[in-house]
Amino acid sequence: MRKVLKKLVRNRMVILTILGVSLYLGISQFHISLWYILFYGIFLGVIFGKVFCRWVCPMGLIMEMMMSMGGEDSKIKQMYQYHKIGCPIAWISGLLNKYSIFRIKLNEDTCKNCGICDKKCYIVAMEPAKYSLYKPAMIKPGSSYTCSKCLQCVASCPNGSLTYKV
Protein backbone atom coordinates (compact mmCIF):
# COMPACT_ATOMS: atom_id res chain seq x y z
CA MET A 1 0.00 0.00 0.00
CA ARG A 2 2.86 2.37 0.84
CA LYS A 3 4.42 1.88 -2.60
CA VAL A 4 1.09 2.62 -4.28
CA LEU A 5 0.71 5.83 -2.27
CA LYS A 6 4.25 6.95 -3.13
CA LYS A 7 3.57 6.30 -6.81
CA LEU A 8 0.29 8.25 -6.66
CA VAL A 9 1.96 11.19 -4.92
CA ARG A 10 4.85 11.15 -7.40
CA ASN A 11 2.33 11.27 -10.27
CA ARG A 12 -0.12 13.66 -8.61
CA MET A 13 0.33 16.42 -11.20
CA VAL A 14 -0.44 13.97 -14.01
CA ILE A 15 -3.52 12.76 -12.15
CA LEU A 16 -4.58 16.36 -11.43
CA THR A 17 -4.10 17.28 -15.10
CA ILE A 18 -6.20 14.35 -16.34
CA LEU A 19 -8.98 14.81 -13.78
CA GLY A 20 -8.92 18.62 -13.91
CA VAL A 21 -9.13 18.78 -17.71
CA SER A 22 -11.81 16.06 -17.72
CA LEU A 23 -13.84 17.97 -15.17
CA TYR A 24 -13.44 21.21 -17.10
CA LEU A 25 -14.57 19.49 -20.30
CA GLY A 26 -17.49 17.90 -18.47
CA ILE A 27 -18.65 21.28 -17.24
CA SER A 28 -18.02 23.26 -20.43
CA GLN A 29 -18.83 20.74 -23.16
CA PHE A 30 -21.37 18.45 -21.54
CA HIS A 31 -22.96 21.10 -19.31
CA ILE A 32 -22.62 19.12 -16.10
CA SER A 33 -24.28 21.15 -13.39
CA LEU A 34 -22.01 22.77 -10.84
CA TRP A 35 -24.33 21.35 -8.19
CA TYR A 36 -23.16 17.84 -9.16
CA ILE A 37 -19.56 18.98 -8.86
CA LEU A 38 -20.30 20.50 -5.45
CA PHE A 39 -21.90 17.28 -4.20
CA TYR A 40 -19.02 15.25 -5.65
CA GLY A 41 -16.54 17.49 -3.81
CA ILE A 42 -18.48 17.11 -0.56
CA PHE A 43 -18.61 13.34 -1.02
CA LEU A 44 -14.84 13.24 -1.54
CA GLY A 45 -14.43 15.50 1.51
CA VAL A 46 -16.39 13.15 3.77
CA ILE A 47 -14.26 10.18 2.75
CA PHE A 48 -10.79 11.59 2.03
CA GLY A 49 -10.77 15.15 3.39
CA LYS A 50 -9.87 18.13 1.26
CA VAL A 51 -8.51 16.18 -1.72
CA PHE A 52 -10.58 17.91 -4.40
CA CYS A 53 -8.32 21.00 -4.61
CA ARG A 54 -5.06 19.10 -5.12
CA TRP A 55 -6.25 16.04 -7.03
CA VAL A 56 -9.29 17.04 -9.15
CA CYS A 57 -9.96 20.79 -9.42
CA PRO A 58 -9.23 22.57 -12.74
CA MET A 59 -8.53 25.82 -10.86
CA GLY A 60 -6.18 23.92 -8.56
CA LEU A 61 -4.33 22.74 -11.67
CA ILE A 62 -3.91 26.30 -12.92
CA MET A 63 -2.73 27.50 -9.51
CA GLU A 64 -0.21 24.66 -9.20
CA MET A 65 1.15 25.45 -12.65
CA MET A 66 1.54 29.09 -11.60
CA MET A 67 3.21 28.01 -8.36
CA SER A 68 5.73 25.83 -10.15
CA MET A 69 6.93 28.81 -12.22
CA GLY A 70 8.10 30.66 -9.12
CA GLY A 71 10.08 27.95 -7.40
CA GLU A 72 9.89 27.71 -3.65
CA ASP A 73 8.85 31.30 -3.01
CA SER A 74 6.44 31.33 -0.07
CA LYS A 75 4.37 34.18 -1.55
CA ILE A 76 3.43 31.97 -4.46
CA LYS A 77 2.61 29.11 -2.06
CA GLN A 78 0.36 31.44 -0.12
CA MET A 79 -1.37 32.52 -3.33
CA TYR A 80 -2.45 28.91 -3.68
CA GLN A 81 -4.35 29.30 -0.41
CA TYR A 82 -6.07 32.55 -1.39
CA HIS A 83 -7.70 31.31 -4.59
CA LYS A 84 -9.84 29.04 -2.41
CA ILE A 85 -11.61 31.95 -0.75
CA GLY A 86 -14.44 31.87 -3.29
CA CYS A 87 -14.75 28.09 -3.66
CA PRO A 88 -17.59 26.39 -1.76
CA ILE A 89 -16.00 22.96 -2.29
CA ALA A 90 -12.81 24.17 -0.58
CA TRP A 91 -14.87 25.61 2.29
CA ILE A 92 -16.85 22.46 2.92
CA SER A 93 -14.10 19.92 2.34
CA GLY A 94 -11.71 22.02 4.45
CA LEU A 95 -14.15 21.81 7.33
CA LEU A 96 -14.48 18.06 6.72
CA ASN A 97 -10.71 17.51 7.15
CA LYS A 98 -11.25 17.02 10.89
CA TYR A 99 -14.03 14.51 10.35
CA SER A 100 -13.09 12.65 7.16
CA ILE A 101 -12.82 8.87 7.18
CA PHE A 102 -9.22 8.86 5.85
CA ARG A 103 -6.68 10.84 7.87
CA ILE A 104 -2.96 11.45 8.09
CA LYS A 105 -1.77 9.67 11.21
CA LEU A 106 1.56 9.57 13.01
CA ASN A 107 2.91 6.48 14.73
CA GLU A 108 4.88 8.12 17.54
CA ASP A 109 6.61 4.84 18.41
CA THR A 110 8.37 4.58 15.05
CA CYS A 111 8.87 8.32 14.37
CA LYS A 112 12.56 9.32 14.46
CA ASN A 113 11.78 13.08 14.67
CA CYS A 114 13.84 13.68 11.53
CA GLY A 115 11.53 16.50 10.37
CA ILE A 116 11.46 15.46 6.70
CA CYS A 117 7.66 15.44 6.74
CA ASP A 118 7.56 19.05 7.97
CA LYS A 119 9.99 20.12 5.24
CA LYS A 120 7.65 18.67 2.58
CA CYS A 121 4.45 20.17 4.03
CA TYR A 122 3.42 23.50 2.50
CA ILE A 123 1.28 24.33 5.54
CA VAL A 124 4.24 23.96 7.90
CA ALA A 125 6.34 26.02 5.46
CA MET A 126 3.82 28.88 5.71
CA GLU A 127 3.42 28.76 9.51
CA PRO A 128 6.27 26.77 11.12
CA ALA A 129 5.59 28.19 14.60
CA LYS A 130 2.03 26.84 14.55
CA TYR A 131 2.06 23.51 12.65
CA SER A 132 4.09 20.31 12.75
CA LEU A 133 3.37 16.74 11.75
CA TYR A 134 5.55 15.17 14.43
CA LYS A 135 6.03 17.69 17.27
CA PRO A 136 3.50 16.87 20.02
CA ALA A 137 2.67 20.41 21.19
CA MET A 138 1.83 21.75 17.72
CA ILE A 139 -1.25 21.60 15.50
CA LYS A 140 -1.29 18.73 13.01
CA PRO A 141 -1.61 20.15 9.48
CA GLY A 142 -3.53 17.12 8.16
CA SER A 143 -6.61 18.01 10.19
CA SER A 144 -6.41 21.74 9.58
CA TYR A 145 -8.76 23.56 7.24
CA THR A 146 -6.00 24.42 4.76
CA CYS A 147 -4.51 20.95 4.21
CA SER A 148 -5.33 19.81 0.67
CA LYS A 149 -3.99 16.29 1.17
CA CYS A 150 -1.14 16.45 -1.34
CA LEU A 151 0.32 13.66 0.85
CA GLN A 152 3.92 14.75 0.27
CA CYS A 153 4.47 14.35 4.01
CA VAL A 154 3.31 10.71 4.02
CA ALA A 155 5.28 9.79 0.90
CA SER A 156 8.47 11.43 2.21
CA CYS A 157 8.53 9.71 5.63
CA PRO A 158 11.59 7.43 5.43
CA ASN A 159 10.35 4.84 7.93
CA GLY A 160 6.59 4.87 7.32
CA SER A 161 5.62 6.60 10.56
CA LEU A 162 3.07 8.74 8.71
CA THR A 163 0.13 6.98 7.10
CA TYR A 164 -3.03 8.00 5.31
CA LYS A 165 -5.72 5.55 6.28
CA VAL A 166 -9.02 4.97 8.04
C-alpha atoms as a PDB file:
ATOM      1  CA  MET A   1       0.000   0.000   0.000  1.00  0.00           C
ATOM      2  CA  ARG A   2       2.859   2.369   0.838  1.00  0.00           C
ATOM      3  CA  LYS A   3       4.420   1.878  -2.604  1.00  0.00           C
ATOM      4  CA  VAL A   4       1.093   2.622  -4.282  1.00  0.00           C
ATOM      5  CA  LEU A   5       0.707   5.825  -2.272  1.00  0.00           C
ATOM      6  CA  LYS A   6       4.255   6.945  -3.129  1.00  0.00           C
ATOM      7  CA  LYS A   7       3.573   6.303  -6.809  1.00  0.00           C
ATOM      8  CA  LEU A   8       0.294   8.250  -6.664  1.00  0.00           C
ATOM      9  CA  VAL A   9       1.958  11.193  -4.921  1.00  0.00           C
ATOM     10  CA  ARG A  10       4.848  11.148  -7.397  1.00  0.00           C
ATOM     11  CA  ASN A  11       2.334  11.273 -10.270  1.00  0.00           C
ATOM     12  CA  ARG A  12      -0.124  13.661  -8.611  1.00  0.00           C
ATOM     13  CA  MET A  13       0.328  16.418 -11.199  1.00  0.00           C
ATOM     14  CA  VAL A  14      -0.438  13.969 -14.013  1.00  0.00           C
ATOM     15  CA  ILE A  15      -3.521  12.761 -12.146  1.00  0.00           C
ATOM     16  CA  LEU A  16      -4.577  16.362 -11.430  1.00  0.00           C
ATOM     17  CA  THR A  17      -4.104  17.280 -15.095  1.00  0.00           C
ATOM     18  CA  ILE A  18      -6.201  14.354 -16.337  1.00  0.00           C
ATOM     19  CA  LEU A  19      -8.982  14.806 -13.778  1.00  0.00           C
ATOM     20  CA  GLY A  20      -8.924  18.617 -13.911  1.00  0.00           C
ATOM     21  CA  VAL A  21      -9.130  18.784 -17.705  1.00  0.00           C
ATOM     22  CA  SER A  22     -11.807  16.064 -17.724  1.00  0.00           C
ATOM     23  CA  LEU A  23     -13.841  17.973 -15.168  1.00  0.00           C
ATOM     24  CA  TYR A  24     -13.435  21.214 -17.096  1.00  0.00           C
ATOM     25  CA  LEU A  25     -14.574  19.494 -20.305  1.00  0.00           C
ATOM     26  CA  GLY A  26     -17.487  17.900 -18.470  1.00  0.00           C
ATOM     27  CA  ILE A  27     -18.647  21.279 -17.245  1.00  0.00           C
ATOM     28  CA  SER A  28     -18.020  23.257 -20.426  1.00  0.00           C
ATOM     29  CA  GLN A  29     -18.831  20.744 -23.163  1.00  0.00           C
ATOM     30  CA  PHE A  30     -21.367  18.447 -21.540  1.00  0.00           C
ATOM     31  CA  HIS A  31     -22.965  21.100 -19.311  1.00  0.00           C
ATOM     32  CA  ILE A  32     -22.621  19.120 -16.104  1.00  0.00           C
ATOM     33  CA  SER A  33     -24.282  21.150 -13.391  1.00  0.00           C
ATOM     34  CA  LEU A  34     -22.009  22.773 -10.842  1.00  0.00           C
ATOM     35  CA  TRP A  35     -24.327  21.347  -8.189  1.00  0.00           C
ATOM     36  CA  TYR A  36     -23.161  17.842  -9.160  1.00  0.00           C
ATOM     37  CA  ILE A  37     -19.560  18.980  -8.861  1.00  0.00           C
ATOM     38  CA  LEU A  38     -20.297  20.503  -5.453  1.00  0.00           C
ATOM     39  CA  PHE A  39     -21.903  17.282  -4.199  1.00  0.00           C
ATOM     40  CA  TYR A  40     -19.020  15.250  -5.649  1.00  0.00           C
ATOM     41  CA  GLY A  41     -16.535  17.495  -3.814  1.00  0.00           C
ATOM     42  CA  ILE A  42     -18.476  17.109  -0.561  1.00  0.00           C
ATOM     43  CA  PHE A  43     -18.607  13.336  -1.023  1.00  0.00           C
ATOM     44  CA  LEU A  44     -14.838  13.243  -1.536  1.00  0.00           C
ATOM     45  CA  GLY A  45     -14.427  15.496   1.511  1.00  0.00           C
ATOM     46  CA  VAL A  46     -16.387  13.153   3.765  1.00  0.00           C
ATOM     47  CA  ILE A  47     -14.264  10.181   2.745  1.00  0.00           C
ATOM     48  CA  PHE A  48     -10.792  11.590   2.033  1.00  0.00           C
ATOM     49  CA  GLY A  49     -10.775  15.146   3.392  1.00  0.00           C
ATOM     50  CA  LYS A  50      -9.870  18.132   1.264  1.00  0.00           C
ATOM     51  CA  VAL A  51      -8.506  16.183  -1.722  1.00  0.00           C
ATOM     52  CA  PHE A  52     -10.577  17.913  -4.397  1.00  0.00           C
ATOM     53  CA  CYS A  53      -8.318  20.996  -4.608  1.00  0.00           C
ATOM     54  CA  ARG A  54      -5.063  19.100  -5.117  1.00  0.00           C
ATOM     55  CA  TRP A  55      -6.255  16.044  -7.033  1.00  0.00           C
ATOM     56  CA  VAL A  56      -9.291  17.041  -9.150  1.00  0.00           C
ATOM     57  CA  CYS A  57      -9.956  20.793  -9.424  1.00  0.00           C
ATOM     58  CA  PRO A  58      -9.232  22.573 -12.741  1.00  0.00           C
ATOM     59  CA  MET A  59      -8.528  25.823 -10.856  1.00  0.00           C
ATOM     60  CA  GLY A  60      -6.179  23.921  -8.558  1.00  0.00           C
ATOM     61  CA  LEU A  61      -4.326  22.736 -11.667  1.00  0.00           C
ATOM     62  CA  ILE A  62      -3.913  26.304 -12.918  1.00  0.00           C
ATOM     63  CA  MET A  63      -2.731  27.499  -9.507  1.00  0.00           C
ATOM     64  CA  GLU A  64      -0.210  24.663  -9.204  1.00  0.00           C
ATOM     65  CA  MET A  65       1.154  25.451 -12.650  1.00  0.00           C
ATOM     66  CA  MET A  66       1.541  29.092 -11.599  1.00  0.00           C
ATOM     67  CA  MET A  67       3.215  28.013  -8.360  1.00  0.00           C
ATOM     68  CA  SER A  68       5.728  25.831 -10.154  1.00  0.00           C
ATOM     69  CA  MET A  69       6.925  28.812 -12.219  1.00  0.00           C
ATOM     70  CA  GLY A  70       8.102  30.662  -9.122  1.00  0.00           C
ATOM     71  CA  GLY A  71      10.076  27.946  -7.403  1.00  0.00           C
ATOM     72  CA  GLU A  72       9.886  27.706  -3.654  1.00  0.00           C
ATOM     73  CA  ASP A  73       8.848  31.303  -3.006  1.00  0.00           C
ATOM     74  CA  SER A  74       6.436  31.335  -0.071  1.00  0.00           C
ATOM     75  CA  LYS A  75       4.372  34.180  -1.546  1.00  0.00           C
ATOM     76  CA  ILE A  76       3.427  31.965  -4.464  1.00  0.00           C
ATOM     77  CA  LYS A  77       2.611  29.107  -2.065  1.00  0.00           C
ATOM     78  CA  GLN A  78       0.358  31.444  -0.121  1.00  0.00           C
ATOM     79  CA  MET A  79      -1.368  32.523  -3.333  1.00  0.00           C
ATOM     80  CA  TYR A  80      -2.453  28.908  -3.675  1.00  0.00           C
ATOM     81  CA  GLN A  81      -4.353  29.297  -0.414  1.00  0.00           C
ATOM     82  CA  TYR A  82      -6.067  32.548  -1.386  1.00  0.00           C
ATOM     83  CA  HIS A  83      -7.698  31.313  -4.585  1.00  0.00           C
ATOM     84  CA  LYS A  84      -9.837  29.039  -2.412  1.00  0.00           C
ATOM     85  CA  ILE A  85     -11.609  31.950  -0.754  1.00  0.00           C
ATOM     86  CA  GLY A  86     -14.441  31.866  -3.295  1.00  0.00           C
ATOM     87  CA  CYS A  87     -14.750  28.088  -3.663  1.00  0.00           C
ATOM     88  CA  PRO A  88     -17.586  26.391  -1.763  1.00  0.00           C
ATOM     89  CA  ILE A  89     -16.002  22.956  -2.294  1.00  0.00           C
ATOM     90  CA  ALA A  90     -12.812  24.173  -0.581  1.00  0.00           C
ATOM     91  CA  TRP A  91     -14.867  25.610   2.292  1.00  0.00           C
ATOM     92  CA  ILE A  92     -16.850  22.464   2.917  1.00  0.00           C
ATOM     93  CA  SER A  93     -14.095  19.916   2.341  1.00  0.00           C
ATOM     94  CA  GLY A  94     -11.714  22.019   4.446  1.00  0.00           C
ATOM     95  CA  LEU A  95     -14.152  21.808   7.332  1.00  0.00           C
ATOM     96  CA  LEU A  96     -14.477  18.063   6.718  1.00  0.00           C
ATOM     97  CA  ASN A  97     -10.705  17.513   7.146  1.00  0.00           C
ATOM     98  CA  LYS A  98     -11.248  17.024  10.887  1.00  0.00           C
ATOM     99  CA  TYR A  99     -14.033  14.505  10.350  1.00  0.00           C
ATOM    100  CA  SER A 100     -13.090  12.649   7.162  1.00  0.00           C
ATOM    101  CA  ILE A 101     -12.816   8.872   7.181  1.00  0.00           C
ATOM    102  CA  PHE A 102      -9.219   8.857   5.852  1.00  0.00           C
ATOM    103  CA  ARG A 103      -6.685  10.835   7.868  1.00  0.00           C
ATOM    104  CA  ILE A 104      -2.962  11.447   8.086  1.00  0.00           C
ATOM    105  CA  LYS A 105      -1.775   9.669  11.212  1.00  0.00           C
ATOM    106  CA  LEU A 106       1.559   9.574  13.008  1.00  0.00           C
ATOM    107  CA  ASN A 107       2.906   6.483  14.732  1.00  0.00           C
ATOM    108  CA  GLU A 108       4.878   8.121  17.539  1.00  0.00           C
ATOM    109  CA  ASP A 109       6.611   4.845  18.414  1.00  0.00           C
ATOM    110  CA  THR A 110       8.375   4.584  15.047  1.00  0.00           C
ATOM    111  CA  CYS A 111       8.875   8.317  14.370  1.00  0.00           C
ATOM    112  CA  LYS A 112      12.556   9.317  14.458  1.00  0.00           C
ATOM    113  CA  ASN A 113      11.783  13.078  14.672  1.00  0.00           C
ATOM    114  CA  CYS A 114      13.839  13.683  11.535  1.00  0.00           C
ATOM    115  CA  GLY A 115      11.529  16.503  10.366  1.00  0.00           C
ATOM    116  CA  ILE A 116      11.463  15.456   6.695  1.00  0.00           C
ATOM    117  CA  CYS A 117       7.656  15.443   6.743  1.00  0.00           C
ATOM    118  CA  ASP A 118       7.561  19.051   7.965  1.00  0.00           C
ATOM    119  CA  LYS A 119       9.992  20.116   5.239  1.00  0.00           C
ATOM    120  CA  LYS A 120       7.647  18.669   2.583  1.00  0.00           C
ATOM    121  CA  CYS A 121       4.447  20.167   4.035  1.00  0.00           C
ATOM    122  CA  TYR A 122       3.424  23.496   2.499  1.00  0.00           C
ATOM    123  CA  ILE A 123       1.284  24.328   5.542  1.00  0.00           C
ATOM    124  CA  VAL A 124       4.244  23.964   7.902  1.00  0.00           C
ATOM    125  CA  ALA A 125       6.336  26.023   5.460  1.00  0.00           C
ATOM    126  CA  MET A 126       3.823  28.876   5.710  1.00  0.00           C
ATOM    127  CA  GLU A 127       3.422  28.756   9.513  1.00  0.00           C
ATOM    128  CA  PRO A 128       6.274  26.766  11.125  1.00  0.00           C
ATOM    129  CA  ALA A 129       5.592  28.191  14.598  1.00  0.00           C
ATOM    130  CA  LYS A 130       2.027  26.844  14.546  1.00  0.00           C
ATOM    131  CA  TYR A 131       2.063  23.510  12.650  1.00  0.00           C
ATOM    132  CA  SER A 132       4.092  20.305  12.753  1.00  0.00           C
ATOM    133  CA  LEU A 133       3.367  16.736  11.751  1.00  0.00           C
ATOM    134  CA  TYR A 134       5.552  15.171  14.429  1.00  0.00           C
ATOM    135  CA  LYS A 135       6.034  17.689  17.269  1.00  0.00           C
ATOM    136  CA  PRO A 136       3.503  16.873  20.022  1.00  0.00           C
ATOM    137  CA  ALA A 137       2.674  20.412  21.189  1.00  0.00           C
ATOM    138  CA  MET A 138       1.833  21.746  17.721  1.00  0.00           C
ATOM    139  CA  ILE A 139      -1.254  21.604  15.502  1.00  0.00           C
ATOM    140  CA  LYS A 140      -1.286  18.727  13.012  1.00  0.00           C
ATOM    141  CA  PRO A 141      -1.610  20.146   9.476  1.00  0.00           C
ATOM    142  CA  GLY A 142      -3.534  17.120   8.165  1.00  0.00           C
ATOM    143  CA  SER A 143      -6.613  18.006  10.189  1.00  0.00           C
ATOM    144  CA  SER A 144      -6.414  21.740   9.577  1.00  0.00           C
ATOM    145  CA  TYR A 145      -8.756  23.559   7.243  1.00  0.00           C
ATOM    146  CA  THR A 146      -6.003  24.424   4.759  1.00  0.00           C
ATOM    147  CA  CYS A 147      -4.510  20.951   4.207  1.00  0.00           C
ATOM    148  CA  SER A 148      -5.330  19.813   0.671  1.00  0.00           C
ATOM    149  CA  LYS A 149      -3.987  16.291   1.167  1.00  0.00           C
ATOM    150  CA  CYS A 150      -1.145  16.451  -1.343  1.00  0.00           C
ATOM    151  CA  LEU A 151       0.320  13.663   0.853  1.00  0.00           C
ATOM    152  CA  GLN A 152       3.918  14.747   0.266  1.00  0.00           C
ATOM    153  CA  CYS A 153       4.465  14.347   4.005  1.00  0.00           C
ATOM    154  CA  VAL A 154       3.313  10.715   4.020  1.00  0.00           C
ATOM    155  CA  ALA A 155       5.280   9.795   0.901  1.00  0.00           C
ATOM    156  CA  SER A 156       8.468  11.430   2.213  1.00  0.00           C
ATOM    157  CA  CYS A 157       8.532   9.714   5.627  1.00  0.00           C
ATOM    158  CA  PRO A 158      11.587   7.427   5.432  1.00  0.00           C
ATOM    159  CA  ASN A 159      10.354   4.840   7.929  1.00  0.00           C
ATOM    160  CA  GLY A 160       6.593   4.874   7.321  1.00  0.00           C
ATOM    161  CA  SER A 161       5.616   6.597  10.559  1.00  0.00           C
ATOM    162  CA  LEU A 162       3.072   8.743   8.712  1.00  0.00           C
ATOM    163  CA  THR A 163       0.132   6.980   7.102  1.00  0.00           C
ATOM    164  CA  TYR A 164      -3.030   8.004   5.308  1.00  0.00           C
ATOM    165  CA  LYS A 165      -5.723   5.551   6.283  1.00  0.00           C
ATOM    166  CA  VAL A 166      -9.025   4.965   8.045  1.00  0.00           C
END
